[in-house]
Amino acid sequence: MRKQIAKLFIDHFCMRDKIPLRRLLSSLERRIIIRALGQVNGNQTEAAKILGVKYTTLNEKIKKYGIIP
């Protein structure tokens, strides 16, 4: 199932206009962080646990992407 989802994801983005990989990954990372924060009502400590990163790393990314938890 994961392989099918990954293939659909890749196919979807490959069919669109070309965009730099770095920008695509940043966009995806931002969306994942927002979703994780939404699941825990903005609790950054809990979101960091869900994402498997340190709190400080998550906090830096929140600032980088201008996310308001």
C-alpha atoms as a PDB file:
ATOM      1  CA  MET A   1       0.000   0.000   0.000  1.00  0.00           C
ATOM      2  CA  ARG A   2       2.805   2.444   0.854  1.00  0.00           C
ATOM      3  CA  LYS A   3       4.473   1.806  -2.490  1.00  0.00           C
ATOM      4  CA  GLN A   4       1.203   2.567  -4.270  1.00  0.00           C
ATOM      5  CA  ILE A   5       0.784   5.819  -2.356  1.00  0.00           C
ATOM      6  CA  ALA A   6       4.388   6.820  -3.067  1.00  0.00           C
ATOM      7  CA  LYS A   7       3.936   6.048  -6.765  1.00  0.00           C
ATOM      8  CA  LEU A   8       0.746   8.115  -6.928  1.00  0.00           C
ATOM      9  CA  PHE A   9       2.491  10.982  -5.172  1.00  0.00           C
ATOM     10  CA  ILE A  10       5.488  10.902  -7.498  1.00  0.00           C
ATOM     11  CA  ASP A  11       3.307  10.527 -10.596  1.00  0.00           C
ATOM     12  CA  HIS A  12       1.158  13.471  -9.516  1.00  0.00           C
ATOM     13  CA  PHE A  13       4.106  15.811  -9.115  1.00  0.00           C
ATOM     14  CA  CYS A  14       5.907  14.590 -12.217  1.00  0.00           C
ATOM     15  CA  MET A  15       2.860  15.375 -14.330  1.00  0.00           C
ATOM     16  CA  ARG A  16       2.803  18.967 -13.138  1.00  0.00           C
ATOM     17  CA  ASP A  17       5.181  21.697 -14.174  1.00  0.00           C
ATOM     18  CA  LYS A  18       8.739  21.020 -13.150  1.00  0.00           C
ATOM     19  CA  ILE A  19       9.589  22.374  -9.740  1.00  0.00           C
ATOM     20  CA  PRO A  20      12.880  22.135  -7.858  1.00  0.00           C
ATOM     21  CA  LEU A  21      13.121  19.139  -5.552  1.00  0.00           C
ATOM     22  CA  ARG A  22      14.191  21.331  -2.634  1.00  0.00           C
ATOM     23  CA  ARG A  23      11.039  23.450  -2.952  1.00  0.00           C
ATOM     24  CA  LEU A  24       8.856  20.358  -3.205  1.00  0.00           C
ATOM     25  CA  LEU A  25      10.411  18.817  -0.103  1.00  0.00           C
ATOM     26  CA  SER A  26      10.080  22.064   1.843  1.00  0.00           C
ATOM     27  CA  SER A  27       6.425  22.309   0.894  1.00  0.00           C
ATOM     28  CA  LEU A  28       5.809  18.720   1.920  1.00  0.00           C
ATOM     29  CA  GLU A  29       7.679  19.154   5.211  1.00  0.00           C
ATOM     30  CA  ARG A  30       5.657  22.273   6.014  1.00  0.00           C
ATOM     31  CA  ARG A  31       2.364  20.478   5.368  1.00  0.00           C
ATOM     32  CA  ILE A  32       3.394  17.502   7.508  1.00  0.00           C
ATOM     33  CA  ILE A  33       4.356  19.793  10.393  1.00  0.00           C
ATOM     34  CA  ILE A  34       1.042  21.641  10.158  1.00  0.00           C
ATOM     35  CA  ARG A  35      -0.877  18.357  10.164  1.00  0.00           C
ATOM     36  CA  ALA A  36       1.078  17.027  13.169  1.00  0.00           C
ATOM     37  CA  LEU A  37       0.479  20.257  15.087  1.00  0.00           C
ATOM     38  CA  GLY A  38      -3.216  20.049  14.235  1.00  0.00           C
ATOM     39  CA  GLN A  39      -3.443  16.530  15.654  1.00  0.00           C
ATOM     40  CA  VAL A  40      -2.110  17.697  19.016  1.00  0.00           C
ATOM     41  CA  ASN A  41      -3.827  21.095  19.161  1.00  0.00           C
ATOM     42  CA  GLY A  42      -0.590  23.010  18.591  1.00  0.00           C
ATOM     43  CA  ASN A  43       1.447  21.240  21.284  1.00  0.00           C
ATOM     44  CA  GLN A  44       4.968  21.393  19.876  1.00  0.00           C
ATOM     45  CA  THR A  45       6.381  18.826  22.292  1.00  0.00           C
ATOM     46  CA  GLU A  46       3.789  16.243  21.271  1.00  0.00           C
ATOM     47  CA  ALA A  47       4.135  17.101  17.584  1.00  0.00           C
ATOM     48  CA  ALA A  48       7.908  16.604  17.827  1.00  0.00           C
ATOM     49  CA  LYS A  49       7.321  13.142  19.308  1.00  0.00           C
ATOM     50  CA  ILE A  50       4.927  12.236  16.493  1.00  0.00           C
ATOM     51  CA  LEU A  51       7.433  13.401  13.892  1.00  0.00           C
ATOM     52  CA  GLY A  52      10.407  11.758  15.584  1.00  0.00           C
ATOM     53  CA  VAL A  53      12.424  14.957  15.908  1.00  0.00           C
ATOM     54  CA  LYS A  54      13.713  16.994  18.819  1.00  0.00           C
ATOM     55  CA  TYR A  55      11.547  19.833  20.094  1.00  0.00           C
ATOM     56  CA  THR A  56      14.244  22.358  19.155  1.00  0.00           C
ATOM     57  CA  THR A  57      14.405  21.022  15.588  1.00  0.00           C
ATOM     58  CA  LEU A  58      10.648  21.297  15.211  1.00  0.00           C
ATOM     59  CA  ASN A  59      10.666  24.783  16.704  1.00  0.00           C
ATOM     60  CA  GLU A  60      13.330  25.918  14.212  1.00  0.00           C
ATOM     61  CA  LYS A  61      11.288  24.531  11.310  1.00  0.00           C
ATOM     62  CA  ILE A  62       8.128  26.228  12.589  1.00  0.00           C
ATOM     63  CA  LYS A  63       9.983  29.537  12.561  1.00  0.00           C
ATOM     64  CA  LYS A  64      11.575  28.809   9.162  1.00  0.00           C
ATOM     65  CA  TYR A  65       8.195  28.124   7.545  1.00  0.00           C
ATOM     66  CA  GLY A  66       6.314  30.848   9.404  1.00  0.00           C
ATOM     67  CA  ILE A  67       3.865  28.391  10.944  1.00  0.00           C
ATOM     68  CA  ILE A  68       1.653  29.693  13.705  1.00  0.00           C
ATOM     69  CA  PRO A  69       0.897  26.774  16.062  1.00  0.00           C
END
